Amino acid sequence: MAKVSGVERQGWAREIEAWRSSGQTLSAWSRERGISRDRLEYWKRRLTGRCEKSISGGMIGPLALIPEVSPSAQPAPAAPIEVVVERAGLRILLPTGFEAAELLRLLDVVDARC
């Protein structure tokens, strides 16, 4: 493989930056510019040292940091869940974050008494 000059590397780096700032897909941008999509992909990987494909196969842009929401800004907890067992005449209120295993044990006890 032939050695790449710094000028060629810089030229491809400018092309990659122009594509990224365009907001277009790699295919659409390269087709519009008359550049081989595969060649542009090759240089993108070579210059960044990584491939930027999402799980679905589409291209993704640079990652953005999203600030963590403070606990005080989070929505209020959900209302309790109400379970009515008509044949036993019971009404059970389950608090937010209840353990499903506890509910199953309670329903087993209710079922055994009915």
PDB file of N, CA and C in Angstrom:
ATOM      1  N   MET A   1       0.843  -1.176   0.000  1.00  0.00           N
ATOM      2  CA  MET A   1       0.000   0.000   0.000  1.00  0.00           C
ATOM      3  C   MET A   1       0.890   1.241   0.000  1.00  0.00           C
ATOM      4  N   ALA A   2       0.538   2.216  -0.790  1.00  0.00           N
ATOM      5  CA  ALA A   2       1.338   3.435  -0.918  1.00  0.00           C
ATOM      6  C   ALA A   2       1.218   4.287   0.340  1.00  0.00           C
ATOM      7  N   LYS A   3       2.282   4.981   0.658  1.00  0.00           N
ATOM      8  CA  LYS A   3       2.291   5.861   1.819  1.00  0.00           C
ATOM      9  C   LYS A   3       1.420   7.081   1.528  1.00  0.00           C
ATOM     10  N   VAL A   4       0.664   7.517   2.529  1.00  0.00           N
ATOM     11  CA  VAL A   4      -0.258   8.638   2.374  1.00  0.00           C
ATOM     12  C   VAL A   4       0.436   9.911   2.830  1.00  0.00           C
ATOM     13  N   SER A   5       0.332  10.966   2.024  1.00  0.00           N
ATOM     14  CA  SER A   5       0.943  12.243   2.401  1.00  0.00           C
ATOM     15  C   SER A   5       0.076  12.962   3.429  1.00  0.00           C
ATOM     16  N   GLY A   6       0.699  13.859   4.146  1.00  0.00           N
ATOM     17  CA  GLY A   6      -0.031  14.662   5.123  1.00  0.00           C
ATOM     18  C   GLY A   6      -1.087  15.524   4.477  1.00  0.00           C
ATOM     19  N   VAL A   7      -0.798  15.977   3.266  1.00  0.00           N
ATOM     20  CA  VAL A   7      -1.763  16.816   2.532  1.00  0.00           C
ATOM     21  C   VAL A   7      -3.014  16.007   2.203  1.00  0.00           C
ATOM     22  N   GLU A   8      -2.810  14.765   1.738  1.00  0.00           N
ATOM     23  CA  GLU A   8      -3.967  13.914   1.417  1.00  0.00           C
ATOM     24  C   GLU A   8      -4.770  13.612   2.681  1.00  0.00           C
ATOM     25  N   ARG A   9      -4.085  13.319   3.766  1.00  0.00           N
ATOM     26  CA  ARG A   9      -4.756  13.027   5.042  1.00  0.00           C
ATOM     27  C   ARG A   9      -5.573  14.244   5.492  1.00  0.00           C
ATOM     28  N   GLN A  10      -4.990  15.432   5.381  1.00  0.00           N
ATOM     29  CA  GLN A  10      -5.707  16.652   5.773  1.00  0.00           C
ATOM     30  C   GLN A  10      -6.913  16.898   4.872  1.00  0.00           C
ATOM     31  N   GLY A  11      -6.758  16.602   3.588  1.00  0.00           N
ATOM     32  CA  GLY A  11      -7.879  16.771   2.658  1.00  0.00           C
ATOM     33  C   GLY A  11      -9.049  15.875   3.026  1.00  0.00           C
ATOM     34  N   TRP A  12      -8.746  14.616   3.350  1.00  0.00           N
ATOM     35  CA  TRP A  12      -9.815  13.701   3.751  1.00  0.00           C
ATOM     36  C   TRP A  12     -10.401  14.092   5.098  1.00  0.00           C
ATOM     37  N   ALA A  13      -9.572  14.611   5.998  1.00  0.00           N
ATOM     38  CA  ALA A  13     -10.080  15.070   7.295  1.00  0.00           C
ATOM     39  C   ALA A  13     -11.069  16.213   7.093  1.00  0.00           C
ATOM     40  N   ARG A  14     -10.781  17.122   6.148  1.00  0.00           N
ATOM     41  CA  ARG A  14     -11.715  18.212   5.839  1.00  0.00           C
ATOM     42  C   ARG A  14     -13.016  17.666   5.245  1.00  0.00           C
ATOM     43  N   GLU A  15     -12.896  16.663   4.370  1.00  0.00           N
ATOM     44  CA  GLU A  15     -14.098  16.057   3.771  1.00  0.00           C
ATOM     45  C   GLU A  15     -14.973  15.412   4.859  1.00  0.00           C
ATOM     46  N   ILE A  16     -14.340  14.696   5.758  1.00  0.00           N
ATOM     47  CA  ILE A  16     -15.095  14.038   6.847  1.00  0.00           C
ATOM     48  C   ILE A  16     -15.791  15.091   7.707  1.00  0.00           C
ATOM     49  N   GLU A  17     -15.077  16.152   8.047  1.00  0.00           N
ATOM     50  CA  GLU A  17     -15.666  17.218   8.861  1.00  0.00           C
ATOM     51  C   GLU A  17     -16.823  17.887   8.126  1.00  0.00           C
ATOM     52  N   ALA A  18     -16.669  18.124   6.825  1.00  0.00           N
ATOM     53  CA  ALA A  18     -17.738  18.732   6.026  1.00  0.00           C
ATOM     54  C   ALA A  18     -18.966  17.829   6.006  1.00  0.00           C
ATOM     55  N   TRP A  19     -18.749  16.507   5.862  1.00  0.00           N
ATOM     56  CA  TRP A  19     -19.875  15.571   5.878  1.00  0.00           C
ATOM     57  C   TRP A  19     -20.575  15.604   7.234  1.00  0.00           C
ATOM     58  N   ARG A  20     -19.805  15.543   8.312  1.00  0.00           N
ATOM     59  CA  ARG A  20     -20.411  15.527   9.662  1.00  0.00           C
ATOM     60  C   ARG A  20     -21.227  16.786   9.920  1.00  0.00           C
ATOM     61  N   SER A  21     -20.725  17.929   9.521  1.00  0.00           N
ATOM     62  CA  SER A  21     -21.448  19.170   9.799  1.00  0.00           C
ATOM     63  C   SER A  21     -22.647  19.355   8.864  1.00  0.00           C
ATOM     64  N   SER A  22     -22.733  18.555   7.780  1.00  0.00           N
ATOM     65  CA  SER A  22     -23.853  18.689   6.836  1.00  0.00           C
ATOM     66  C   SER A  22     -25.150  18.130   7.398  1.00  0.00           C
ATOM     67  N   GLY A  23     -25.055  17.155   8.303  1.00  0.00           N
ATOM     68  CA  GLY A  23     -26.254  16.527   8.837  1.00  0.00           C
ATOM     69  C   GLY A  23     -26.839  15.471   7.910  1.00  0.00           C
ATOM     70  N   GLN A  24     -26.206  15.240   6.768  1.00  0.00           N
ATOM     71  CA  GLN A  24     -26.700  14.251   5.813  1.00  0.00           C
ATOM     72  C   GLN A  24     -26.137  12.871   6.139  1.00  0.00           C
ATOM     73  N   THR A  25     -26.743  11.858   5.542  1.00  0.00           N
ATOM     74  CA  THR A  25     -26.175  10.518   5.657  1.00  0.00           C
ATOM     75  C   THR A  25     -24.896  10.484   4.826  1.00  0.00           C
ATOM     76  N   LEU A  26     -24.036   9.550   5.154  1.00  0.00           N
ATOM     77  CA  LEU A  26     -22.775   9.406   4.434  1.00  0.00           C
ATOM     78  C   LEU A  26     -23.039   9.145   2.953  1.00  0.00           C
ATOM     79  N   SER A  27     -24.022   8.288   2.653  1.00  0.00           N
ATOM     80  CA  SER A  27     -24.344   7.953   1.260  1.00  0.00           C
ATOM     81  C   SER A  27     -24.834   9.165   0.486  1.00  0.00           C
ATOM     82  N   ALA A  28     -25.780   9.910   1.055  1.00  0.00           N
ATOM     83  CA  ALA A  28     -26.345  11.069   0.357  1.00  0.00           C
ATOM     84  C   ALA A  28     -25.275  12.139   0.136  1.00  0.00           C
ATOM     85  N   TRP A  29     -24.476  12.390   1.148  1.00  0.00           N
ATOM     86  CA  TRP A  29     -23.451  13.430   1.040  1.00  0.00           C
ATOM     87  C   TRP A  29     -22.406  13.076  -0.019  1.00  0.00           C
ATOM     88  N   SER A  30     -21.940  11.828   0.020  1.00  0.00           N
ATOM     89  CA  SER A  30     -20.903  11.426  -0.938  1.00  0.00           C
ATOM     90  C   SER A  30     -21.453  11.397  -2.366  1.00  0.00           C
ATOM     91  N   ARG A  31     -22.697  10.969  -2.532  1.00  0.00           N
ATOM     92  CA  ARG A  31     -23.318  10.947  -3.862  1.00  0.00           C
ATOM     93  C   ARG A  31     -23.430  12.374  -4.400  1.00  0.00           C
ATOM     94  N   GLU A  32     -23.849  13.310  -3.544  1.00  0.00           N
ATOM     95  CA  GLU A  32     -23.991  14.705  -3.942  1.00  0.00           C
ATOM     96  C   GLU A  32     -22.650  15.317  -4.354  1.00  0.00           C
ATOM     97  N   ARG A  33     -21.576  14.888  -3.706  1.00  0.00           N
ATOM     98  CA  ARG A  33     -20.240  15.428  -3.986  1.00  0.00           C
ATOM     99  C   ARG A  33     -19.475  14.643  -5.047  1.00  0.00           C
ATOM    100  N   GLY A  34     -20.024  13.500  -5.479  1.00  0.00           N
ATOM    101  CA  GLY A  34     -19.336  12.680  -6.468  1.00  0.00           C
ATOM    102  C   GLY A  34     -18.125  11.960  -5.898  1.00  0.00           C
ATOM    103  N   ILE A  35     -18.184  11.652  -4.599  1.00  0.00           N
ATOM    104  CA  ILE A  35     -17.098  10.943  -3.915  1.00  0.00           C
ATOM    105  C   ILE A  35     -17.580   9.535  -3.624  1.00  0.00           C
ATOM    106  N   SER A  36     -16.710   8.567  -3.747  1.00  0.00           N
ATOM    107  CA  SER A  36     -17.081   7.196  -3.429  1.00  0.00           C
ATOM    108  C   SER A  36     -17.428   7.083  -1.942  1.00  0.00           C
ATOM    109  N   ARG A  37     -18.629   6.557  -1.669  1.00  0.00           N
ATOM    110  CA  ARG A  37     -19.061   6.386  -0.292  1.00  0.00           C
ATOM    111  C   ARG A  37     -18.107   5.471   0.460  1.00  0.00           C
ATOM    112  N   ASP A  38     -17.672   4.382  -0.190  1.00  0.00           N
ATOM    113  CA  ASP A  38     -16.757   3.438   0.451  1.00  0.00           C
ATOM    114  C   ASP A  38     -15.419   4.085   0.787  1.00  0.00           C
ATOM    115  N   ARG A  39     -14.948   4.936  -0.116  1.00  0.00           N
ATOM    116  CA  ARG A  39     -13.662   5.620   0.129  1.00  0.00           C
ATOM    117  C   ARG A  39     -13.791   6.576   1.319  1.00  0.00           C
ATOM    118  N   LEU A  40     -14.907   7.296   1.365  1.00  0.00           N
ATOM    119  CA  LEU A  40     -15.147   8.219   2.470  1.00  0.00           C
ATOM    120  C   LEU A  40     -15.259   7.445   3.786  1.00  0.00           C
ATOM    121  N   GLU A  41     -15.942   6.312   3.763  1.00  0.00           N
ATOM    122  CA  GLU A  41     -16.064   5.461   4.954  1.00  0.00           C
ATOM    123  C   GLU A  41     -14.686   4.967   5.399  1.00  0.00           C
ATOM    124  N   TYR A  42     -13.874   4.559   4.441  1.00  0.00           N
ATOM    125  CA  TYR A  42     -12.517   4.095   4.742  1.00  0.00           C
ATOM    126  C   TYR A  42     -11.732   5.186   5.474  1.00  0.00           C
ATOM    127  N   TRP A  43     -11.759   6.399   4.941  1.00  0.00           N
ATOM    128  CA  TRP A  43     -11.003   7.488   5.549  1.00  0.00           C
ATOM    129  C   TRP A  43     -11.593   7.894   6.897  1.00  0.00           C
ATOM    130  N   LYS A  44     -12.879   7.804   7.040  1.00  0.00           N
ATOM    131  CA  LYS A  44     -13.509   8.116   8.332  1.00  0.00           C
ATOM    132  C   LYS A  44     -12.991   7.164   9.392  1.00  0.00           C
ATOM    133  N   ARG A  45     -12.976   5.870   9.066  1.00  0.00           N
ATOM    134  CA  ARG A  45     -12.471   4.872  10.025  1.00  0.00           C
ATOM    135  C   ARG A  45     -10.981   5.061  10.271  1.00  0.00           C
ATOM    136  N   ARG A  46     -10.252   5.325   9.204  1.00  0.00           N
ATOM    137  CA  ARG A  46      -8.799   5.456   9.333  1.00  0.00           C
ATOM    138  C   ARG A  46      -8.421   6.668  10.189  1.00  0.00           C
ATOM    139  N   LEU A  47      -9.107   7.779  10.018  1.00  0.00           N
ATOM    140  CA  LEU A  47      -8.770   8.990  10.747  1.00  0.00           C
ATOM    141  C   LEU A  47      -9.279   8.986  12.181  1.00  0.00           C
ATOM    142  N   THR A  48     -10.406   8.335  12.414  1.00  0.00           N
ATOM    143  CA  THR A  48     -10.949   8.317  13.776  1.00  0.00           C
ATOM    144  C   THR A  48     -10.573   7.050  14.512  1.00  0.00           C
ATOM    145  N   GLY A  49     -10.193   6.020  13.765  1.00  0.00           N
ATOM    146  CA  GLY A  49      -9.817   4.764  14.393  1.00  0.00           C
ATOM    147  C   GLY A  49     -10.992   3.947  14.877  1.00  0.00           C
ATOM    148  N   ARG A  50     -12.187   4.301  14.444  1.00  0.00           N
ATOM    149  CA  ARG A  50     -13.368   3.543  14.874  1.00  0.00           C
ATOM    150  C   ARG A  50     -14.471   3.688  13.851  1.00  0.00           C
ATOM    151  N   CYS A  51     -15.424   2.790  13.946  1.00  0.00           N
ATOM    152  CA  CYS A  51     -16.590   2.803  13.068  1.00  0.00           C
ATOM    153  C   CYS A  51     -17.753   3.362  13.873  1.00  0.00           C
ATOM    154  N   GLU A  52     -18.524   4.254  13.307  1.00  0.00           N
ATOM    155  CA  GLU A  52     -19.634   4.869  14.011  1.00  0.00           C
ATOM    156  C   GLU A  52     -20.956   4.395  13.454  1.00  0.00           C
ATOM    157  N   LYS A  53     -21.298   3.149  13.696  1.00  0.00           N
ATOM    158  CA  LYS A  53     -22.589   2.636  13.243  1.00  0.00           C
ATOM    159  C   LYS A  53     -23.422   2.310  14.461  1.00  0.00           C
ATOM    160  N   SER A  54     -24.692   2.573  14.352  1.00  0.00           N
ATOM    161  CA  SER A  54     -25.604   2.237  15.433  1.00  0.00           C
ATOM    162  C   SER A  54     -25.951   0.756  15.342  1.00  0.00           C
ATOM    163  N   ILE A  55     -26.684   0.280  16.319  1.00  0.00           N
ATOM    164  CA  ILE A  55     -27.097  -1.125  16.333  1.00  0.00           C
ATOM    165  C   ILE A  55     -27.946  -1.432  15.108  1.00  0.00           C
ATOM    166  N   SER A  56     -28.783  -0.480  14.684  1.00  0.00           N
ATOM    167  CA  SER A  56     -29.645  -0.710  13.527  1.00  0.00           C
ATOM    168  C   SER A  56     -28.894  -0.598  12.211  1.00  0.00           C
ATOM    169  N   GLY A  57     -27.614  -0.203  12.256  1.00  0.00           N
ATOM    170  CA  GLY A  57     -26.827  -0.108  11.037  1.00  0.00           C
ATOM    171  C   GLY A  57     -26.749   1.293  10.475  1.00  0.00           C
ATOM    172  N   GLY A  58     -27.549   2.231  10.994  1.00  0.00           N
ATOM    173  CA  GLY A  58     -27.503   3.602  10.509  1.00  0.00           C
ATOM    174  C   GLY A  58     -26.344   4.359  11.129  1.00  0.00           C
ATOM    175  N   MET A  59     -25.996   5.461  10.515  1.00  0.00           N
ATOM    176  CA  MET A  59     -24.887   6.252  11.015  1.00  0.00           C
ATOM    177  C   MET A  59     -25.343   7.081  12.208  1.00  0.00           C
ATOM    178  N   ILE A  60     -24.451   7.273  13.151  1.00  0.00           N
ATOM    179  CA  ILE A  60     -24.731   8.136  14.285  1.00  0.00           C
ATOM    180  C   ILE A  60     -23.685   9.235  14.325  1.00  0.00           C
ATOM    181  N   GLY A  61     -24.046  10.345  14.877  1.00  0.00           N
ATOM    182  CA  GLY A  61     -23.112  11.467  14.978  1.00  0.00           C
ATOM    183  C   GLY A  61     -22.329  11.392  16.269  1.00  0.00           C
ATOM    184  N   PRO A  62     -21.623  12.455  16.600  1.00  0.00           N
ATOM    185  CA  PRO A  62     -20.868  12.489  17.844  1.00  0.00           C
ATOM    186  C   PRO A  62     -21.804  12.336  19.033  1.00  0.00           C
ATOM    187  N   LEU A  63     -21.305  11.778  20.096  1.00  0.00           N
ATOM    188  CA  LEU A  63     -22.124  11.585  21.292  1.00  0.00           C
ATOM    189  C   LEU A  63     -22.311  12.904  22.013  1.00  0.00           C
ATOM    190  N   ALA A  64     -23.477  13.098  22.578  1.00  0.00           N
ATOM    191  CA  ALA A  64     -23.750  14.299  23.361  1.00  0.00           C
ATOM    192  C   ALA A  64     -23.954  13.883  24.811  1.00  0.00           C
ATOM    193  N   LEU A  65     -23.423  14.654  25.732  1.00  0.00           N
ATOM    194  CA  LEU A  65     -23.617  14.383  27.149  1.00  0.00           C
ATOM    195  C   LEU A  65     -24.939  14.979  27.586  1.00  0.00           C
ATOM    196  N   ILE A  66     -25.713  14.203  28.319  1.00  0.00           N
ATOM    197  CA  ILE A  66     -27.002  14.658  28.814  1.00  0.00           C
ATOM    198  C   ILE A  66     -26.889  14.753  30.327  1.00  0.00           C
ATOM    199  N   PRO A  67     -27.147  15.922  30.899  1.00  0.00           N
ATOM    200  CA  PRO A  67     -26.997  16.063  32.348  1.00  0.00           C
ATOM    201  C   PRO A  67     -27.975  15.161  33.098  1.00  0.00           C
ATOM    202  N   GLU A  68     -27.516  14.657  34.219  1.00  0.00           N
ATOM    203  CA  GLU A  68     -28.359  13.807  35.054  1.00  0.00           C
ATOM    204  C   GLU A  68     -29.387  14.677  35.753  1.00  0.00           C
ATOM    205  N   VAL A  69     -30.616  14.192  35.812  1.00  0.00           N
ATOM    206  CA  VAL A  69     -31.686  14.937  36.462  1.00  0.00           C
ATOM    207  C   VAL A  69     -31.574  14.724  37.962  1.00  0.00           C
ATOM    208  N   SER A  70     -31.620  15.818  38.713  1.00  0.00           N
ATOM    209  CA  SER A  70     -31.512  15.698  40.167  1.00  0.00           C
ATOM    210  C   SER A  70     -32.767  15.039  40.721  1.00  0.00           C
ATOM    211  N   PRO A  71     -32.636  14.352  41.849  1.00  0.00           N
ATOM    212  CA  PRO A  71     -33.810  13.668  42.421  1.00  0.00           C
ATOM    213  C   PRO A  71     -34.972  14.610  42.687  1.00  0.00           C
ATOM    214  N   SER A  72     -34.700  15.862  43.036  1.00  0.00           N
ATOM    215  CA  SER A  72     -35.785  16.803  43.316  1.00  0.00           C
ATOM    216  C   SER A  72     -36.563  17.164  42.063  1.00  0.00           C
ATOM    217  N   ALA A  73     -35.948  17.015  40.886  1.00  0.00           N
ATOM    218  CA  ALA A  73     -36.612  17.360  39.635  1.00  0.00           C
ATOM    219  C   ALA A  73     -37.349  16.183  39.018  1.00  0.00           C
ATOM    220  N   GLN A  74     -37.214  15.006  39.602  1.00  0.00           N
ATOM    221  CA  GLN A  74     -37.885  13.832  39.053  1.00  0.00           C
ATOM    222  C   GLN A  74     -39.365  13.869  39.409  1.00  0.00           C
ATOM    223  N   PRO A  75     -40.206  13.218  38.577  1.00  0.00           N
ATOM    224  CA  PRO A  75     -41.643  13.226  38.857  1.00  0.00           C
ATOM    225  C   PRO A  75     -41.960  12.518  40.168  1.00  0.00           C
ATOM    226  N   ALA A  76     -43.083  12.899  40.739  1.00  0.00           N
ATOM    227  CA  ALA A  76     -43.525  12.294  41.992  1.00  0.00           C
ATOM    228  C   ALA A  76     -43.771  10.800  41.791  1.00  0.00           C
ATOM    229  N   PRO A  77     -43.584  10.011  42.846  1.00  0.00           N
ATOM    230  CA  PRO A  77     -43.810   8.574  42.704  1.00  0.00           C
ATOM    231  C   PRO A  77     -45.253   8.283  42.299  1.00  0.00           C
ATOM    232  N   ALA A  78     -45.425   7.178  41.618  1.00  0.00           N
ATOM    233  CA  ALA A  78     -46.754   6.773  41.163  1.00  0.00           C
ATOM    234  C   ALA A  78     -47.651   6.463  42.361  1.00  0.00           C
ATOM    235  N   ALA A  79     -48.941   6.593  42.129  1.00  0.00           N
ATOM    236  CA  ALA A  79     -49.920   6.278  43.176  1.00  0.00           C
ATOM    237  C   ALA A  79     -49.891   4.785  43.459  1.00  0.00           C
ATOM    238  N   PRO A  80     -50.301   4.394  44.668  1.00  0.00           N
ATOM    239  CA  PRO A  80     -50.312   2.961  44.975  1.00  0.00           C
ATOM    240  C   PRO A  80     -51.269   2.215  44.042  1.00  0.00           C
ATOM    241  N   ILE A  81     -51.005   0.932  43.882  1.00  0.00           N
ATOM    242  CA  ILE A  81     -51.854   0.078  43.057  1.00  0.00           C
ATOM    243  C   ILE A  81     -52.873  -0.581  43.969  1.00  0.00           C
ATOM    244  N   GLU A  82     -54.122  -0.602  43.528  1.00  0.00           N
ATOM    245  CA  GLU A  82     -55.180  -1.214  44.326  1.00  0.00           C
ATOM    246  C   GLU A  82     -55.581  -2.536  43.694  1.00  0.00           C
ATOM    247  N   VAL A  83     -55.584  -3.604  44.503  1.00  0.00           N
ATOM    248  CA  VAL A  83     -56.016  -4.927  44.057  1.00  0.00           C
ATOM    249  C   VAL A  83     -57.255  -5.286  44.876  1.00  0.00           C
ATOM    250  N   VAL A  84     -58.347  -5.623  44.173  1.00  0.00           N
ATOM    251  CA  VAL A  84     -59.585  -5.999  44.854  1.00  0.00           C
ATOM    252  C   VAL A  84     -59.839  -7.478  44.589  1.00  0.00           C
ATOM    253  N   VAL A  85     -59.969  -8.248  45.660  1.00  0.00           N
ATOM    254  CA  VAL A  85     -60.295  -9.672  45.556  1.00  0.00           C
ATOM    255  C   VAL A  85     -61.758  -9.790  45.971  1.00  0.00           C
ATOM    256  N   GLU A  86     -62.647  -9.819  44.972  1.00  0.00           N
ATOM    257  CA  GLU A  86     -64.081  -9.753  45.241  1.00  0.00           C
ATOM    258  C   GLU A  86     -64.590 -10.931  46.058  1.00  0.00           C
ATOM    259  N   ARG A  87     -64.162 -12.144  45.726  1.00  0.00           N
ATOM    260  CA  ARG A  87     -64.723 -13.316  46.419  1.00  0.00           C
ATOM    261  C   ARG A  87     -64.319 -13.350  47.887  1.00  0.00           C
ATOM    262  N   ALA A  88     -63.242 -12.674  48.261  1.00  0.00           N
ATOM    263  CA  ALA A  88     -62.823 -12.631  49.663  1.00  0.00           C
ATOM    264  C   ALA A  88     -63.206 -11.305  50.307  1.00  0.00           C
ATOM    265  N   GLY A  89     -63.710 -10.363  49.508  1.00  0.00           N
ATOM    266  CA  GLY A  89     -64.078  -9.056  50.044  1.00  0.00           C
ATOM    267  C   GLY A  89     -62.873  -8.263  50.521  1.00  0.00           C
ATOM    268  N   LEU A  90     -61.739  -8.430  49.850  1.00  0.00           N
ATOM    269  CA  LEU A  90     -60.516  -7.746  50.258  1.00  0.00           C
ATOM    270  C   LEU A  90     -60.127  -6.644  49.290  1.00  0.00           C
ATOM    271  N   ARG A  91     -59.539  -5.626  49.840  1.00  0.00           N
ATOM    272  CA  ARG A  91     -58.951  -4.546  49.048  1.00  0.00           C
ATOM    273  C   ARG A  91     -57.517  -4.392  49.517  1.00  0.00           C
ATOM    274  N   ILE A  92     -56.555  -4.553  48.603  1.00  0.00           N
ATOM    275  CA  ILE A  92     -55.130  -4.497  48.944  1.00  0.00           C
ATOM    276  C   ILE A  92     -54.516  -3.306  48.226  1.00  0.00           C
ATOM    277  N   LEU A  93     -53.858  -2.432  48.988  1.00  0.00           N
ATOM    278  CA  LEU A  93     -53.142  -1.297  48.402  1.00  0.00           C
ATOM    279  C   LEU A  93     -51.658  -1.629  48.392  1.00  0.00           C
ATOM    280  N   LEU A  94     -51.062  -1.586  47.208  1.00  0.00           N
ATOM    281  CA  LEU A  94     -49.638  -1.888  47.063  1.00  0.00           C
ATOM    282  C   LEU A  94     -48.867  -0.584  46.902  1.00  0.00           C
ATOM    283  N   PRO A  95     -47.875  -0.353  47.751  1.00  0.00           N
ATOM    284  CA  PRO A  95     -47.092   0.880  47.638  1.00  0.00           C
ATOM    285  C   PRO A  95     -46.189   0.840  46.401  1.00  0.00           C
ATOM    286  N   THR A  96     -45.726   1.993  45.982  1.00  0.00           N
ATOM    287  CA  THR A  96     -44.786   2.076  44.875  1.00  0.00           C
ATOM    288  C   THR A  96     -43.535   1.289  45.236  1.00  0.00           C
ATOM    289  N   GLY A  97     -43.045   0.497  44.300  1.00  0.00           N
ATOM    290  CA  GLY A  97     -41.824  -0.267  44.532  1.00  0.00           C
ATOM    291  C   GLY A  97     -42.040  -1.560  45.310  1.00  0.00           C
ATOM    292  N   PHE A  98     -43.281  -2.031  45.394  1.00  0.00           N
ATOM    293  CA  PHE A  98     -43.530  -3.283  46.107  1.00  0.00           C
ATOM    294  C   PHE A  98     -42.831  -4.446  45.410  1.00  0.00           C
ATOM    295  N   GLU A  99     -42.559  -5.479  46.167  1.00  0.00           N
ATOM    296  CA  GLU A  99     -41.918  -6.678  45.624  1.00  0.00           C
ATOM    297  C   GLU A  99     -43.006  -7.617  45.096  1.00  0.00           C
ATOM    298  N   ALA A 100     -42.851  -8.039  43.862  1.00  0.00           N
ATOM    299  CA  ALA A 100     -43.838  -8.930  43.249  1.00  0.00           C
ATOM    300  C   ALA A 100     -43.945 -10.238  44.016  1.00  0.00           C
ATOM    301  N   ALA A 101     -42.837 -10.728  44.544  1.00  0.00           N
ATOM    302  CA  ALA A 101     -42.850 -11.987  45.298  1.00  0.00           C
ATOM    303  C   ALA A 101     -43.741 -11.862  46.537  1.00  0.00           C
ATOM    304  N   GLU A 102     -43.717 -10.688  47.179  1.00  0.00           N
ATOM    305  CA  GLU A 102     -44.564 -10.482  48.358  1.00  0.00           C
ATOM    306  C   GLU A 102     -46.041 -10.532  47.986  1.00  0.00           C
ATOM    307  N   LEU A 103     -46.384  -9.930  46.854  1.00  0.00           N
ATOM    308  CA  LEU A 103     -47.768  -9.952  46.397  1.00  0.00           C
ATOM    309  C   LEU A 103     -48.206 -11.383  46.094  1.00  0.00           C
ATOM    310  N   LEU A 104     -47.347 -12.159  45.444  1.00  0.00           N
ATOM    311  CA  LEU A 104     -47.693 -13.549  45.136  1.00  0.00           C
ATOM    312  C   LEU A 104     -47.928 -14.352  46.402  1.00  0.00           C
ATOM    313  N   ARG A 105     -47.092 -14.153  47.409  1.00  0.00           N
ATOM    314  CA  ARG A 105     -47.289 -14.860  48.694  1.00  0.00           C
ATOM    315  C   ARG A 105     -48.613 -14.457  49.336  1.00  0.00           C
ATOM    316  N   LEU A 106     -48.923 -13.168  49.309  1.00  0.00           N
ATOM    317  CA  LEU A 106     -50.174 -12.678  49.885  1.00  0.00           C
ATOM    318  C   LEU A 106     -51.380 -13.254  49.146  1.00  0.00           C
ATOM    319  N   LEU A 107     -51.319 -13.286  47.823  1.00  0.00           N
ATOM    320  CA  LEU A 107     -52.431 -13.842  47.054  1.00  0.00           C
ATOM    321  C   LEU A 107     -52.596 -15.339  47.292  1.00  0.00           C
ATOM    322  N   ASP A 108     -51.486 -16.058  47.509  1.00  0.00           N
ATOM    323  CA  ASP A 108     -51.573 -17.480  47.850  1.00  0.00           C
ATOM    324  C   ASP A 108     -52.321 -17.679  49.165  1.00  0.00           C
ATOM    325  N   VAL A 109     -52.043 -16.837  50.148  1.00  0.00           N
ATOM    326  CA  VAL A 109     -52.721 -16.924  51.442  1.00  0.00           C
ATOM    327  C   VAL A 109     -54.211 -16.630  51.273  1.00  0.00           C
ATOM    328  N   VAL A 110     -54.531 -15.584  50.521  1.00  0.00           N
ATOM    329  CA  VAL A 110     -55.926 -15.223  50.291  1.00  0.00           C
ATOM    330  C   VAL A 110     -56.644 -16.352  49.565  1.00  0.00           C
ATOM    331  N   ASP A 111     -55.984 -16.928  48.536  1.00  0.00           N
ATOM    332  CA  ASP A 111     -56.583 -18.002  47.761  1.00  0.00           C
ATOM    333  C   ASP A 111     -56.833 -19.239  48.618  1.00  0.00           C
ATOM    334  N   ALA A 112     -55.935 -19.522  49.564  1.00  0.00           N
ATOM    335  CA  ALA A 112     -56.091 -20.694  50.421  1.00  0.00           C
ATOM    336  C   ALA A 112     -57.273 -20.530  51.373  1.00  0.00           C
ATOM    337  N   ARG A 113     -57.611 -19.307  51.723  1.00  0.00           N
ATOM    338  CA  ARG A 113     -58.700 -19.058  52.673  1.00  0.00           C
ATOM    339  C   ARG A 113     -60.049 -18.937  51.991  1.00  0.00           C
ATOM    340  N   CYS A 114     -60.056 -18.783  50.688  1.00  0.00           N
ATOM    341  CA  CYS A 114     -61.339 -18.592  49.985  1.00  0.00           C
ATOM    342  C   CYS A 114     -61.955 -19.902  49.583  1.00  0.00           C
TER     343      CYS A 114
END
